[in-house]
């Protein structure tokens, strides 16, 4: 047996507030729409909406300031 790291796609929920770390998509987002292959996110500061292929994996859930404009 060998150690294996297993990843699973995160099950986004419309209306969910998320924070992405260490990515070109870093920052605070609200989930607007989810399909089997795409996720549409909205920036709470600029209002800009972007649609990407699903890409995130769950790391942790915690209470923090959102949006964090610092």
N, C-alpha and C. Protein backbone atom coordinates (compact mmCIF):
# COMPACT_ATOMS: atom_id res chain seq x y z
N UNK A 1 0.84 -1.19 0.00
CA UNK A 1 0.00 0.00 0.00
C UNK A 1 0.88 1.24 0.00
N UNK A 2 0.44 2.26 -0.70
CA UNK A 2 1.16 3.52 -0.79
C UNK A 2 0.25 4.65 -0.30
N UNK A 3 0.84 5.72 0.30
CA UNK A 3 0.01 6.87 0.66
C UNK A 3 -0.49 7.56 -0.61
N UNK A 4 -1.75 7.89 -0.64
CA UNK A 4 -2.37 8.52 -1.81
C UNK A 4 -3.15 9.74 -1.33
N UNK A 5 -2.97 10.86 -1.99
CA UNK A 5 -3.74 12.07 -1.70
C UNK A 5 -4.96 12.07 -2.61
N UNK A 6 -6.14 12.17 -2.03
CA UNK A 6 -7.39 12.11 -2.78
C UNK A 6 -8.06 13.48 -2.76
N UNK A 7 -8.46 13.96 -3.94
CA UNK A 7 -9.16 15.23 -4.09
C UNK A 7 -10.58 14.95 -4.56
N UNK A 8 -11.51 15.78 -4.12
CA UNK A 8 -12.89 15.67 -4.56
C UNK A 8 -13.39 17.08 -4.84
N UNK A 9 -14.11 17.25 -5.94
CA UNK A 9 -14.62 18.57 -6.30
C UNK A 9 -15.57 19.08 -5.23
N UNK A 10 -15.47 20.36 -4.92
CA UNK A 10 -16.31 20.96 -3.90
C UNK A 10 -17.74 21.13 -4.42
N UNK A 11 -18.76 20.77 -3.63
CA UNK A 11 -20.16 20.90 -4.06
C UNK A 11 -20.69 22.32 -3.80
N UNK A 12 -20.36 23.25 -4.68
CA UNK A 12 -20.81 24.64 -4.53
C UNK A 12 -22.32 24.72 -4.38
N UNK A 13 -22.79 25.73 -3.61
CA UNK A 13 -24.21 25.99 -3.42
C UNK A 13 -24.49 27.45 -3.77
N UNK A 14 -25.45 27.74 -4.67
CA UNK A 14 -25.77 29.13 -4.98
C UNK A 14 -26.08 29.91 -3.70
N UNK A 15 -25.54 31.13 -3.62
CA UNK A 15 -25.70 31.99 -2.45
C UNK A 15 -24.59 31.83 -1.44
N UNK A 16 -23.79 30.80 -1.57
CA UNK A 16 -22.69 30.53 -0.64
C UNK A 16 -21.60 31.60 -0.77
N UNK A 17 -21.07 32.04 0.34
CA UNK A 17 -19.98 33.00 0.37
C UNK A 17 -18.69 32.22 0.57
N UNK A 18 -17.71 32.45 -0.32
CA UNK A 18 -16.47 31.69 -0.26
C UNK A 18 -15.26 32.62 -0.31
N UNK A 19 -14.13 32.11 0.14
CA UNK A 19 -12.85 32.81 0.04
C UNK A 19 -11.84 31.84 -0.57
N UNK A 20 -11.22 32.24 -1.67
CA UNK A 20 -10.25 31.39 -2.36
C UNK A 20 -8.85 31.88 -2.03
N UNK A 21 -7.98 30.96 -1.64
CA UNK A 21 -6.59 31.28 -1.30
C UNK A 21 -5.65 30.71 -2.36
N UNK A 22 -4.50 31.35 -2.52
CA UNK A 22 -3.39 30.82 -3.32
C UNK A 22 -3.80 30.42 -4.74
N UNK A 23 -4.44 31.33 -5.44
CA UNK A 23 -4.93 31.06 -6.79
C UNK A 23 -5.03 32.37 -7.55
N UNK A 24 -4.98 32.32 -8.88
CA UNK A 24 -5.26 33.55 -9.65
C UNK A 24 -6.68 34.07 -9.38
N UNK A 25 -7.54 33.21 -8.83
CA UNK A 25 -8.92 33.59 -8.48
C UNK A 25 -9.05 33.99 -7.01
N UNK A 26 -7.93 34.26 -6.35
CA UNK A 26 -7.93 34.56 -4.91
C UNK A 26 -8.89 35.68 -4.56
N UNK A 27 -9.50 35.55 -3.39
CA UNK A 27 -10.36 36.60 -2.87
C UNK A 27 -11.72 36.09 -2.45
N UNK A 28 -12.62 37.02 -2.18
CA UNK A 28 -13.97 36.72 -1.72
C UNK A 28 -14.92 36.68 -2.92
N UNK A 29 -15.82 35.69 -2.90
CA UNK A 29 -16.78 35.50 -3.98
C UNK A 29 -18.10 35.01 -3.41
N UNK A 30 -19.18 35.29 -4.13
CA UNK A 30 -20.47 34.69 -3.85
C UNK A 30 -20.79 33.75 -5.01
N UNK A 31 -21.23 32.55 -4.70
CA UNK A 31 -21.59 31.57 -5.73
C UNK A 31 -22.95 31.97 -6.29
N UNK A 32 -23.01 32.20 -7.60
CA UNK A 32 -24.26 32.61 -8.25
C UNK A 32 -24.96 31.44 -8.94
N UNK A 33 -24.22 30.60 -9.66
CA UNK A 33 -24.83 29.50 -10.41
C UNK A 33 -23.85 28.34 -10.49
N UNK A 34 -24.38 27.13 -10.47
CA UNK A 34 -23.55 25.93 -10.53
C UNK A 34 -24.16 24.95 -11.52
N UNK A 35 -23.32 24.41 -12.43
CA UNK A 35 -23.75 23.32 -13.31
C UNK A 35 -22.80 22.15 -13.06
N UNK A 36 -22.98 21.08 -13.80
CA UNK A 36 -22.09 19.93 -13.64
C UNK A 36 -20.64 20.26 -13.96
N UNK A 37 -20.41 21.24 -14.84
CA UNK A 37 -19.05 21.55 -15.28
C UNK A 37 -18.59 22.97 -15.00
N UNK A 38 -19.49 23.90 -14.71
CA UNK A 38 -19.14 25.31 -14.54
C UNK A 38 -19.66 25.87 -13.22
N UNK A 39 -19.00 26.94 -12.76
CA UNK A 39 -19.46 27.68 -11.59
C UNK A 39 -19.35 29.17 -11.92
N UNK A 40 -20.40 29.94 -11.60
CA UNK A 40 -20.39 31.39 -11.80
C UNK A 40 -20.25 32.03 -10.43
N UNK A 41 -19.23 32.89 -10.30
CA UNK A 41 -18.95 33.57 -9.04
C UNK A 41 -19.08 35.07 -9.24
N UNK A 42 -19.51 35.77 -8.17
CA UNK A 42 -19.66 37.22 -8.20
C UNK A 42 -18.78 37.84 -7.13
N UNK A 43 -18.01 38.85 -7.52
CA UNK A 43 -17.18 39.60 -6.57
C UNK A 43 -18.09 40.53 -5.77
N UNK A 44 -18.07 40.47 -4.43
CA UNK A 44 -18.94 41.32 -3.62
C UNK A 44 -18.51 42.79 -3.60
N UNK A 45 -17.30 43.07 -4.03
CA UNK A 45 -16.79 44.45 -4.03
C UNK A 45 -17.09 45.13 -5.36
N UNK A 46 -16.68 44.51 -6.47
CA UNK A 46 -16.85 45.12 -7.79
C UNK A 46 -18.17 44.76 -8.46
N UNK A 47 -18.80 43.66 -8.02
CA UNK A 47 -20.02 43.19 -8.65
C UNK A 47 -19.77 42.37 -9.91
N UNK A 48 -18.54 42.21 -10.28
CA UNK A 48 -18.17 41.48 -11.49
C UNK A 48 -18.49 39.99 -11.33
N UNK A 49 -19.10 39.39 -12.37
CA UNK A 49 -19.41 37.97 -12.37
C UNK A 49 -18.54 37.26 -13.40
N UNK A 50 -17.99 36.11 -13.00
CA UNK A 50 -17.13 35.32 -13.89
C UNK A 50 -17.56 33.86 -13.82
N UNK A 51 -17.50 33.18 -14.95
CA UNK A 51 -17.84 31.76 -15.02
C UNK A 51 -16.58 30.98 -15.37
N UNK A 52 -16.31 29.95 -14.58
CA UNK A 52 -15.13 29.11 -14.78
C UNK A 52 -15.53 27.65 -14.75
N UNK A 53 -14.65 26.80 -15.28
CA UNK A 53 -14.81 25.37 -15.05
C UNK A 53 -14.66 25.14 -13.56
N UNK A 54 -15.37 24.15 -13.03
CA UNK A 54 -15.29 23.88 -11.59
C UNK A 54 -13.85 23.52 -11.24
N UNK A 55 -13.35 24.07 -10.11
CA UNK A 55 -11.92 24.00 -9.83
C UNK A 55 -11.56 23.86 -8.37
N UNK A 56 -12.47 24.11 -7.45
CA UNK A 56 -12.10 24.20 -6.03
C UNK A 56 -12.23 22.87 -5.31
N UNK A 57 -11.43 22.76 -4.26
CA UNK A 57 -11.46 21.61 -3.38
C UNK A 57 -11.54 22.13 -1.96
N UNK A 58 -12.34 21.50 -1.12
CA UNK A 58 -12.57 21.97 0.25
C UNK A 58 -11.32 21.84 1.10
N UNK A 59 -11.01 22.91 1.85
CA UNK A 59 -9.87 22.90 2.76
C UNK A 59 -10.35 23.01 4.20
N UNK A 60 -11.10 24.07 4.52
CA UNK A 60 -11.63 24.24 5.87
C UNK A 60 -12.79 25.22 5.83
N UNK A 61 -13.60 25.22 6.89
CA UNK A 61 -14.70 26.16 7.02
C UNK A 61 -14.54 26.88 8.34
N UNK A 62 -14.53 28.24 8.30
CA UNK A 62 -14.36 29.00 9.53
C UNK A 62 -15.05 30.35 9.40
N UNK A 63 -15.32 31.00 10.52
CA UNK A 63 -15.91 32.34 10.52
C UNK A 63 -14.81 33.36 10.28
N UNK A 64 -15.04 34.28 9.36
CA UNK A 64 -14.10 35.37 9.12
C UNK A 64 -14.83 36.53 8.46
N UNK A 65 -14.22 37.69 8.43
CA UNK A 65 -14.81 38.88 7.82
C UNK A 65 -14.99 38.61 6.33
N UNK A 66 -16.18 38.97 5.79
CA UNK A 66 -16.46 38.77 4.37
C UNK A 66 -17.39 39.88 3.91
N UNK A 67 -17.11 40.62 2.84
CA UNK A 67 -15.85 40.53 2.11
C UNK A 67 -14.73 41.21 2.89
N UNK A 68 -13.54 40.75 2.67
CA UNK A 68 -12.36 41.31 3.30
C UNK A 68 -11.68 42.23 2.31
N UNK A 69 -11.89 43.54 2.45
CA UNK A 69 -11.39 44.51 1.50
C UNK A 69 -10.00 45.03 1.84
N UNK A 70 -9.34 44.43 2.84
CA UNK A 70 -8.00 44.90 3.23
C UNK A 70 -6.95 44.50 2.23
